[in-house]
Amino acid sequence: LVTSLVQHESIQTTWPKAKEAQRMAEKLITLAKRNNTT
């Protein structure tokens, strides 16, 4: 789900899946803002 979100910037799914994928997507953007090898 998160891979599709980064690729298309908008996805439709069920409410529980969207809420859980949201947590992972937020973490992914935080990783991008750190911008280091790790």
ModelCIF file with pLDDT and N, C-alpha, C, O atoms, coordinates in Angstrom:
data_MODEL
#
_entry.id   MODEL 
#
_entity.id                         1 
_entity.type                       polymer 
_entity.pdbx_number_of_molecules   1 
#
_entity_poly.entity_id                      1 
_entity_poly.type                           'polypeptide(L)' 
_entity_poly.nstd_linkage                   no 
_entity_poly.nstd_monomer                   no 
_entity_poly.pdbx_seq_one_letter_code       LVTSLVQHESIQTTWPKAKEAQRMAEKLITLAKRNNTT 
_entity_poly.pdbx_seq_one_letter_code_can   LVTSLVQHESIQTTWPKAKEAQRMAEKLITLAKRNNTT 
_entity_poly.pdbx_strand_id                 A 
#
loop_
_entity_poly_seq.entity_id 
_entity_poly_seq.num 
_entity_poly_seq.mon_id 
_entity_poly_seq.hetero 
1 1  LEU n 
1 2  VAL n 
1 3  THR n 
1 4  SER n 
1 5  LEU n 
1 6  VAL n 
1 7  GLN n 
1 8  HIS n 
1 9  GLU n 
1 10 SER n 
1 11 ILE n 
1 12 GLN n 
1 13 THR n 
1 14 THR n 
1 15 TRP n 
1 16 PRO n 
1 17 LYS n 
1 18 ALA n 
1 19 LYS n 
1 20 GLU n 
1 21 ALA n 
1 22 GLN n 
1 23 ARG n 
1 24 MET n 
1 25 ALA n 
1 26 GLU n 
1 27 LYS n 
1 28 LEU n 
1 29 ILE n 
1 30 THR n 
1 31 LEU n 
1 32 ALA n 
1 33 LYS n 
1 34 ARG n 
1 35 ASN n 
1 36 ASN n 
1 37 THR n 
1 38 THR n 
#
_struct_asym.id          A 
_struct_asym.entity_id   1 
#
loop_
_ma_qa_metric.id 
_ma_qa_metric.mode 
_ma_qa_metric.name 
_ma_qa_metric.software_group_id 
_ma_qa_metric.type 
1 global pLDDT . pLDDT 
2 local  pLDDT . pLDDT 
#
_ma_qa_metric_global.metric_id      1 
_ma_qa_metric_global.metric_value   94.37 
_ma_qa_metric_global.model_id       1 
_ma_qa_metric_global.ordinal_id     1 
#
loop_
_ma_qa_metric_local.label_asym_id 
_ma_qa_metric_local.label_comp_id 
_ma_qa_metric_local.label_seq_id 
_ma_qa_metric_local.metric_id 
_ma_qa_metric_local.metric_value 
_ma_qa_metric_local.model_id 
_ma_qa_metric_local.ordinal_id 
A LEU 1  2 96.00 1 1  
A VAL 2  2 96.00 1 2  
A THR 3  2 96.00 1 3  
A SER 4  2 96.00 1 4  
A LEU 5  2 96.00 1 5  
A VAL 6  2 96.00 1 6  
A GLN 7  2 95.00 1 7  
A HIS 8  2 94.00 1 8  
A GLU 9  2 94.00 1 9  
A SER 10 2 93.00 1 10 
A ILE 11 2 93.00 1 11 
A GLN 12 2 92.00 1 12 
A THR 13 2 92.00 1 13 
A THR 14 2 91.00 1 14 
A TRP 15 2 92.00 1 15 
A PRO 16 2 91.00 1 16 
A LYS 17 2 92.00 1 17 
A ALA 18 2 94.00 1 18 
A LYS 19 2 93.00 1 19 
A GLU 20 2 93.00 1 20 
A ALA 21 2 95.00 1 21 
A GLN 22 2 95.00 1 22 
A ARG 23 2 94.00 1 23 
A MET 24 2 94.00 1 24 
A ALA 25 2 96.00 1 25 
A GLU 26 2 96.00 1 26 
A LYS 27 2 95.00 1 27 
A LEU 28 2 96.00 1 28 
A ILE 29 2 96.00 1 29 
A THR 30 2 96.00 1 30 
A LEU 31 2 95.00 1 31 
A ALA 32 2 96.00 1 32 
A LYS 33 2 95.00 1 33 
A ARG 34 2 94.00 1 34 
A ASN 35 2 93.00 1 35 
A ASN 36 2 94.00 1 36 
A THR 37 2 95.00 1 37 
A THR 38 2 96.00 1 38 
#
loop_
_atom_site.group_PDB 
_atom_site.id 
_atom_site.type_symbol 
_atom_site.label_atom_id 
_atom_site.label_alt_id 
_atom_site.label_comp_id 
_atom_site.label_asym_id 
_atom_site.label_entity_id 
_atom_site.label_seq_id 
_atom_site.pdbx_PDB_ins_code 
_atom_site.Cartn_x 
_atom_site.Cartn_y 
_atom_site.Cartn_z 
_atom_site.occupancy 
_atom_site.B_iso_or_equiv 
_atom_site.pdbx_formal_charge 
_atom_site.auth_seq_id 
_atom_site.auth_comp_id 
_atom_site.auth_asym_id 
_atom_site.auth_atom_id 
_atom_site.pdbx_PDB_model_num 
ATOM 1   N N  . LEU A 1 1  ? 0.825   -1.207 0.000  1.00 96.00 ? 1  LEU A N  1 
ATOM 2   C CA . LEU A 1 1  ? 0.000   0.000  0.000  1.00 96.00 ? 1  LEU A CA 1 
ATOM 3   C C  . LEU A 1 1  ? 0.861   1.260  0.000  1.00 96.00 ? 1  LEU A C  1 
ATOM 4   O O  . LEU A 1 1  ? 0.577   2.210  -0.730 1.00 96.00 ? 1  LEU A O  1 
ATOM 5   N N  . VAL A 1 2  ? 1.901   1.268  0.811  1.00 96.00 ? 2  VAL A N  1 
ATOM 6   C CA . VAL A 1 2  ? 2.760   2.454  0.908  1.00 96.00 ? 2  VAL A CA 1 
ATOM 7   C C  . VAL A 1 2  ? 3.554   2.649  -0.384 1.00 96.00 ? 2  VAL A C  1 
ATOM 8   O O  . VAL A 1 2  ? 3.767   3.782  -0.816 1.00 96.00 ? 2  VAL A O  1 
ATOM 9   N N  . THR A 1 3  ? 3.987   1.560  -0.996 1.00 96.00 ? 3  THR A N  1 
ATOM 10  C CA . THR A 1 3  ? 4.670   1.665  -2.289 1.00 96.00 ? 3  THR A CA 1 
ATOM 11  C C  . THR A 1 3  ? 3.752   2.296  -3.330 1.00 96.00 ? 3  THR A C  1 
ATOM 12  O O  . THR A 1 3  ? 4.175   3.169  -4.088 1.00 96.00 ? 3  THR A O  1 
ATOM 13  N N  . SER A 1 4  ? 2.497   1.856  -3.367 1.00 96.00 ? 4  SER A N  1 
ATOM 14  C CA . SER A 1 4  ? 1.528   2.435  -4.307 1.00 96.00 ? 4  SER A CA 1 
ATOM 15  C C  . SER A 1 4  ? 1.259   3.897  -3.982 1.00 96.00 ? 4  SER A C  1 
ATOM 16  O O  . SER A 1 4  ? 1.073   4.709  -4.888 1.00 96.00 ? 4  SER A O  1 
ATOM 17  N N  . LEU A 1 5  ? 1.237   4.241  -2.692 1.00 96.00 ? 5  LEU A N  1 
ATOM 18  C CA . LEU A 1 5  ? 0.993   5.629  -2.291 1.00 96.00 ? 5  LEU A CA 1 
ATOM 19  C C  . LEU A 1 5  ? 2.123   6.536  -2.782 1.00 96.00 ? 5  LEU A C  1 
ATOM 20  O O  . LEU A 1 5  ? 1.863   7.608  -3.329 1.00 96.00 ? 5  LEU A O  1 
ATOM 21  N N  . VAL A 1 6  ? 3.372   6.114  -2.589 1.00 96.00 ? 6  VAL A N  1 
ATOM 22  C CA . VAL A 1 6  ? 4.506   6.924  -3.046 1.00 96.00 ? 6  VAL A CA 1 
ATOM 23  C C  . VAL A 1 6  ? 4.482   7.060  -4.563 1.00 96.00 ? 6  VAL A C  1 
ATOM 24  O O  . VAL A 1 6  ? 4.833   8.111  -5.098 1.00 96.00 ? 6  VAL A O  1 
ATOM 25  N N  . GLN A 1 7  ? 4.076   6.012  -5.252 1.00 95.00 ? 7  GLN A N  1 
ATOM 26  C CA . GLN A 1 7  ? 4.063   6.029  -6.707 1.00 95.00 ? 7  GLN A CA 1 
ATOM 27  C C  . GLN A 1 7  ? 2.947   6.897  -7.269 1.00 95.00 ? 7  GLN A C  1 
ATOM 28  O O  . GLN A 1 7  ? 3.167   7.666  -8.204 1.00 95.00 ? 7  GLN A O  1 
ATOM 29  N N  . HIS A 1 8  ? 1.724   6.776  -6.689 1.00 94.00 ? 8  HIS A N  1 
ATOM 30  C CA . HIS A 1 8  ? 0.555   7.458  -7.249 1.00 94.00 ? 8  HIS A CA 1 
ATOM 31  C C  . HIS A 1 8  ? 0.073   8.647  -6.415 1.00 94.00 ? 8  HIS A C  1 
ATOM 32  O O  . HIS A 1 8  ? -0.707  9.461  -6.908 1.00 94.00 ? 8  HIS A O  1 
ATOM 33  N N  . GLU A 1 9  ? 0.524   8.764  -5.161 1.00 94.00 ? 9  GLU A N  1 
ATOM 34  C CA . GLU A 1 9  ? 0.188   9.850  -4.228 1.00 94.00 ? 9  GLU A CA 1 
ATOM 35  C C  . GLU A 1 9  ? -1.254  9.814  -3.738 1.00 94.00 ? 9  GLU A C  1 
ATOM 36  O O  . GLU A 1 9  ? -1.635  10.664 -2.933 1.00 94.00 ? 9  GLU A O  1 
ATOM 37  N N  . SER A 1 10 ? -2.055  8.882  -4.184 1.00 93.00 ? 10 SER A N  1 
ATOM 38  C CA . SER A 1 10 ? -3.416  8.727  -3.692 1.00 93.00 ? 10 SER A CA 1 
ATOM 39  C C  . SER A 1 10 ? -3.882  7.309  -3.984 1.00 93.00 ? 10 SER A C  1 
ATOM 40  O O  . SER A 1 10 ? -3.801  6.846  -5.122 1.00 93.00 ? 10 SER A O  1 
ATOM 41  N N  . ILE A 1 11 ? -4.373  6.617  -2.953 1.00 93.00 ? 11 ILE A N  1 
ATOM 42  C CA . ILE A 1 11 ? -4.868  5.251  -3.139 1.00 93.00 ? 11 ILE A CA 1 
ATOM 43  C C  . ILE A 1 11 ? -6.187  5.100  -2.395 1.00 93.00 ? 11 ILE A C  1 
ATOM 44  O O  . ILE A 1 11 ? -6.441  5.808  -1.422 1.00 93.00 ? 11 ILE A O  1 
ATOM 45  N N  . GLN A 1 12 ? -7.020  4.179  -2.852 1.00 92.00 ? 12 GLN A N  1 
ATOM 46  C CA . GLN A 1 12 ? -8.278  3.873  -2.186 1.00 92.00 ? 12 GLN A CA 1 
ATOM 47  C C  . GLN A 1 12 ? -8.225  2.449  -1.657 1.00 92.00 ? 12 GLN A C  1 
ATOM 48  O O  . GLN A 1 12 ? -7.857  1.522  -2.378 1.00 92.00 ? 12 GLN A O  1 
ATOM 49  N N  . THR A 1 13 ? -8.592  2.286  -0.408 1.00 92.00 ? 13 THR A N  1 
ATOM 50  C CA . THR A 1 13 ? -8.601  0.976  0.225  1.00 92.00 ? 13 THR A CA 1 
ATOM 51  C C  . THR A 1 13 ? -9.634  1.009  1.352  1.00 92.00 ? 13 THR A C  1 
ATOM 52  O O  . THR A 1 13 ? -10.429 1.945  1.434  1.00 92.00 ? 13 THR A O  1 
ATOM 53  N N  . THR A 1 14 ? -9.629  0.004  2.213  1.00 91.00 ? 14 THR A N  1 
ATOM 54  C CA . THR A 1 14 ? -10.563 0.033  3.335  1.00 91.00 ? 14 THR A CA 1 
ATOM 55  C C  . THR A 1 14 ? -10.036 0.973  4.420  1.00 91.00 ? 14 THR A C  1 
ATOM 56  O O  . THR A 1 14 ? -8.845  1.280  4.473  1.00 91.00 ? 14 THR A O  1 
ATOM 57  N N  . TRP A 1 15 ? -10.943 1.418  5.277  1.00 92.00 ? 15 TRP A N  1 
ATOM 58  C CA . TRP A 1 15 ? -10.571 2.365  6.340  1.00 92.00 ? 15 TRP A CA 1 
ATOM 59  C C  . TRP A 1 15 ? -9.489  1.801  7.275  1.00 92.00 ? 15 TRP A C  1 
ATOM 60  O O  . TRP A 1 15 ? -8.510  2.503  7.531  1.00 92.00 ? 15 TRP A O  1 
ATOM 61  N N  . PRO A 1 16 ? -9.614  0.574  7.796  1.00 91.00 ? 16 PRO A N  1 
ATOM 62  C CA . PRO A 1 16 ? -8.563  0.062  8.689  1.00 91.00 ? 16 PRO A CA 1 
ATOM 63  C C  . PRO A 1 16 ? -7.201  -0.051 7.997  1.00 91.00 ? 16 PRO A C  1 
ATOM 64  O O  . PRO A 1 16 ? -6.176  0.266  8.602  1.00 91.00 ? 16 PRO A O  1 
ATOM 65  N N  . LYS A 1 17 ? -7.179  -0.494 6.748  1.00 92.00 ? 17 LYS A N  1 
ATOM 66  C CA . LYS A 1 17 ? -5.914  -0.607 6.018  1.00 92.00 ? 17 LYS A CA 1 
ATOM 67  C C  . LYS A 1 17 ? -5.303  0.767  5.790  1.00 92.00 ? 17 LYS A C  1 
ATOM 68  O O  . LYS A 1 17 ? -4.089  0.939  5.907  1.00 92.00 ? 17 LYS A O  1 
ATOM 69  N N  . ALA A 1 18 ? -6.144  1.749  5.464  1.00 94.00 ? 18 ALA A N  1 
ATOM 70  C CA . ALA A 1 18 ? -5.647  3.107  5.231  1.00 94.00 ? 18 ALA A CA 1 
ATOM 71  C C  . ALA A 1 18 ? -5.014  3.685  6.495  1.00 94.00 ? 18 ALA A C  1 
ATOM 72  O O  . ALA A 1 18 ? -3.966  4.328  6.421  1.00 94.00 ? 18 ALA A O  1 
ATOM 73  N N  . LYS A 1 19 ? -5.634  3.465  7.649  1.00 93.00 ? 19 LYS A N  1 
ATOM 74  C CA . LYS A 1 19 ? -5.107  4.006  8.907  1.00 93.00 ? 19 LYS A CA 1 
ATOM 75  C C  . LYS A 1 19 ? -3.773  3.360  9.276  1.00 93.00 ? 19 LYS A C  1 
ATOM 76  O O  . LYS A 1 19 ? -2.879  4.037  9.782  1.00 93.00 ? 19 LYS A O  1 
ATOM 77  N N  . GLU A 1 20 ? -3.633  2.062  9.027  1.00 93.00 ? 20 GLU A N  1 
ATOM 78  C CA . GLU A 1 20 ? -2.374  1.399  9.330  1.00 93.00 ? 20 GLU A CA 1 
ATOM 79  C C  . GLU A 1 20 ? -1.287  1.770  8.326  1.00 93.00 ? 20 GLU A C  1 
ATOM 80  O O  . GLU A 1 20 ? -0.131  1.965  8.701  1.00 93.00 ? 20 GLU A O  1 
ATOM 81  N N  . ALA A 1 21 ? -1.659  1.867  7.043  1.00 95.00 ? 21 ALA A N  1 
ATOM 82  C CA . ALA A 1 21 ? -0.681  2.271  6.029  1.00 95.00 ? 21 ALA A CA 1 
ATOM 83  C C  . ALA A 1 21 ? -0.233  3.712  6.257  1.00 95.00 ? 21 ALA A C  1 
ATOM 84  O O  . ALA A 1 21 ? 0.897   4.070  5.925  1.00 95.00 ? 21 ALA A O  1 
ATOM 85  N N  . GLN A 1 22 ? -1.108  4.533  6.817  1.00 95.00 ? 22 GLN A N  1 
ATOM 86  C CA . GLN A 1 22 ? -0.765  5.921  7.098  1.00 95.00 ? 22 GLN A CA 1 
ATOM 87  C C  . GLN A 1 22 ? 0.397   6.012  8.076  1.00 95.00 ? 22 GLN A C  1 
ATOM 88  O O  . GLN A 1 22 ? 1.279   6.857  7.925  1.00 95.00 ? 22 GLN A O  1 
ATOM 89  N N  . ARG A 1 23 ? 0.395   5.151  9.066  1.00 94.00 ? 23 ARG A N  1 
ATOM 90  C CA . ARG A 1 23 ? 1.484   5.167  10.054 1.00 94.00 ? 23 ARG A CA 1 
ATOM 91  C C  . ARG A 1 23 ? 2.823   4.861  9.391  1.00 94.00 ? 23 ARG A C  1 
ATOM 92  O O  . ARG A 1 23 ? 3.828   5.507  9.688  1.00 94.00 ? 23 ARG A O  1 
ATOM 93  N N  . MET A 1 24 ? 2.836   3.869  8.489  1.00 94.00 ? 24 MET A N  1 
ATOM 94  C CA . MET A 1 24 ? 4.075   3.511  7.802  1.00 94.00 ? 24 MET A CA 1 
ATOM 95  C C  . MET A 1 24 ? 4.504   4.609  6.832  1.00 94.00 ? 24 MET A C  1 
ATOM 96  O O  . MET A 1 24 ? 5.697   4.873  6.680  1.00 94.00 ? 24 MET A O  1 
ATOM 97  N N  . ALA A 1 25 ? 3.535   5.248  6.176  1.00 96.00 ? 25 ALA A N  1 
ATOM 98  C CA . ALA A 1 25 ? 3.857   6.320  5.231  1.00 96.00 ? 25 ALA A CA 1 
ATOM 99  C C  . ALA A 1 25 ? 4.459   7.530  5.954  1.00 96.00 ? 25 ALA A C  1 
ATOM 100 O O  . ALA A 1 25 ? 5.396   8.153  5.454  1.00 96.00 ? 25 ALA A O  1 
ATOM 101 N N  . GLU A 1 26 ? 3.921   7.856  7.124  1.00 96.00 ? 26 GLU A N  1 
ATOM 102 C CA . GLU A 1 26 ? 4.477   8.965  7.908  1.00 96.00 ? 26 GLU A CA 1 
ATOM 103 C C  . GLU A 1 26 ? 5.921   8.674  8.311  1.00 96.00 ? 26 GLU A C  1 
ATOM 104 O O  . GLU A 1 26 ? 6.782   9.553  8.268  1.00 96.00 ? 26 GLU A O  1 
ATOM 105 N N  . LYS A 1 27 ? 6.167   7.433  8.701  1.00 95.00 ? 27 LYS A N  1 
ATOM 106 C CA . LYS A 1 27 ? 7.535   7.031  9.074  1.00 95.00 ? 27 LYS A CA 1 
ATOM 107 C C  . LYS A 1 27 ? 8.470   7.139  7.878  1.00 95.00 ? 27 LYS A C  1 
ATOM 108 O O  . LYS A 1 27 ? 9.628   7.531  8.024  1.00 95.00 ? 27 LYS A O  1 
ATOM 109 N N  . LEU A 1 28 ? 7.968   6.790  6.692  1.00 96.00 ? 28 LEU A N  1 
ATOM 110 C CA . LEU A 1 28 ? 8.792   6.832  5.487  1.00 96.00 ? 28 LEU A CA 1 
ATOM 111 C C  . LEU A 1 28 ? 9.208   8.260  5.155  1.00 96.00 ? 28 LEU A C  1 
ATOM 112 O O  . LEU A 1 28 ? 10.353  8.500  4.772  1.00 96.00 ? 28 LEU A O  1 
ATOM 113 N N  . ILE A 1 29 ? 8.282   9.212  5.301  1.00 96.00 ? 29 ILE A N  1 
ATOM 114 C CA . ILE A 1 29 ? 8.626   10.615 5.028  1.00 96.00 ? 29 ILE A CA 1 
ATOM 115 C C  . ILE A 1 29 ? 9.638   11.121 6.059  1.00 96.00 ? 29 ILE A C  1 
ATOM 116 O O  . ILE A 1 29 ? 10.531  11.899 5.724  1.00 96.00 ? 29 ILE A O  1 
ATOM 117 N N  . THR A 1 30 ? 9.499   10.682 7.308  1.00 96.00 ? 30 THR A N  1 
ATOM 118 C CA . THR A 1 30 ? 10.472  11.066 8.332  1.00 96.00 ? 30 THR A CA 1 
ATOM 119 C C  . THR A 1 30 ? 11.860  10.561 7.976  1.00 96.00 ? 30 THR A C  1 
ATOM 120 O O  . THR A 1 30 ? 12.849  11.269 8.169  1.00 96.00 ? 30 THR A O  1 
ATOM 121 N N  . LEU A 1 31 ? 11.938  9.344  7.460  1.00 95.00 ? 31 LEU A N  1 
ATOM 122 C CA . LEU A 1 31 ? 13.226  8.800  7.008  1.00 95.00 ? 31 LEU A CA 1 
ATOM 123 C C  . LEU A 1 31 ? 13.791  9.635  5.865  1.00 95.00 ? 31 LEU A C  1 
ATOM 124 O O  . LEU A 1 31 ? 14.992  9.903  5.819  1.00 95.00 ? 31 LEU A O  1 
ATOM 125 N N  . ALA A 1 32 ? 12.923  10.046 4.944  1.00 96.00 ? 32 ALA A N  1 
ATOM 126 C CA . ALA A 1 32 ? 13.379  10.852 3.805  1.00 96.00 ? 32 ALA A CA 1 
ATOM 127 C C  . ALA A 1 32 ? 13.929  12.196 4.271  1.00 96.00 ? 32 ALA A C  1 
ATOM 128 O O  . ALA A 1 32 ? 14.903  12.690 3.702  1.00 96.00 ? 32 ALA A O  1 
ATOM 129 N N  . LYS A 1 33 ? 13.328  12.794 5.289  1.00 95.00 ? 33 LYS A N  1 
ATOM 130 C CA . LYS A 1 33 ? 13.778  14.099 5.776  1.00 95.00 ? 33 LYS A CA 1 
ATOM 131 C C  . LYS A 1 33 ? 15.134  14.000 6.467  1.00 95.00 ? 33 LYS A C  1 
ATOM 132 O O  . LYS A 1 33 ? 15.885  14.976 6.494  1.00 95.00 ? 33 LYS A O  1 
ATOM 133 N N  . ARG A 1 34 ? 15.459  12.828 7.027  1.00 94.00 ? 34 ARG A N  1 
ATOM 134 C CA . ARG A 1 34 ? 16.782  12.648 7.634  1.00 94.00 ? 34 ARG A CA 1 
ATOM 135 C C  . ARG A 1 34 ? 17.864  12.603 6.564  1.00 94.00 ? 34 ARG A C  1 
ATOM 136 O O  . ARG A 1 34 ? 18.952  13.149 6.752  1.00 94.00 ? 34 ARG A O  1 
ATOM 137 N N  . ASN A 1 35 ? 17.571  11.959 5.451  1.00 93.00 ? 35 ASN A N  1 
ATOM 138 C CA . ASN A 1 35 ? 18.428  11.984 4.270  1.00 93.00 ? 35 ASN A CA 1 
ATOM 139 C C  . ASN A 1 35 ? 19.872  11.547 4.558  1.00 93.00 ? 35 ASN A C  1 
ATOM 140 O O  . ASN A 1 35 ? 20.820  12.265 4.237  1.00 93.00 ? 35 ASN A O  1 
ATOM 141 N N  . ASN A 1 36 ? 20.027  10.380 5.159  1.00 94.00 ? 36 ASN A N  1 
ATOM 142 C CA . ASN A 1 36 ? 21.363  9.822  5.349  1.00 94.00 ? 36 ASN A CA 1 
ATOM 143 C C  . ASN A 1 36 ? 21.371  8.366  4.895  1.00 94.00 ? 36 ASN A C  1 
ATOM 144 O O  . ASN A 1 36 ? 20.340  7.835  4.482  1.00 94.00 ? 36 ASN A O  1 
ATOM 145 N N  . THR A 1 37 ? 22.522  7.729  4.972  1.00 95.00 ? 37 THR A N  1 
ATOM 146 C CA . THR A 1 37 ? 22.657  6.358  4.484  1.00 95.00 ? 37 THR A CA 1 
ATOM 147 C C  . THR A 1 37 ? 21.762  5.404  5.244  1.00 95.00 ? 37 THR A C  1 
ATOM 148 O O  . THR A 1 37 ? 21.148  4.520  4.645  1.00 95.00 ? 37 THR A O  1 
ATOM 149 N N  . THR A 1 38 ? 21.677  5.568  6.560  1.00 96.00 ? 38 THR A N  1 
ATOM 150 C CA . THR A 1 38 ? 20.845  4.679  7.378  1.00 96.00 ? 38 THR A CA 1 
ATOM 151 C C  . THR A 1 38 ? 19.378  4.794  7.005  1.00 96.00 ? 38 THR A C  1 
ATOM 152 O O  . THR A 1 38 ? 18.536  4.115  7.594  1.00 96.00 ? 38 THR A O  1 
#
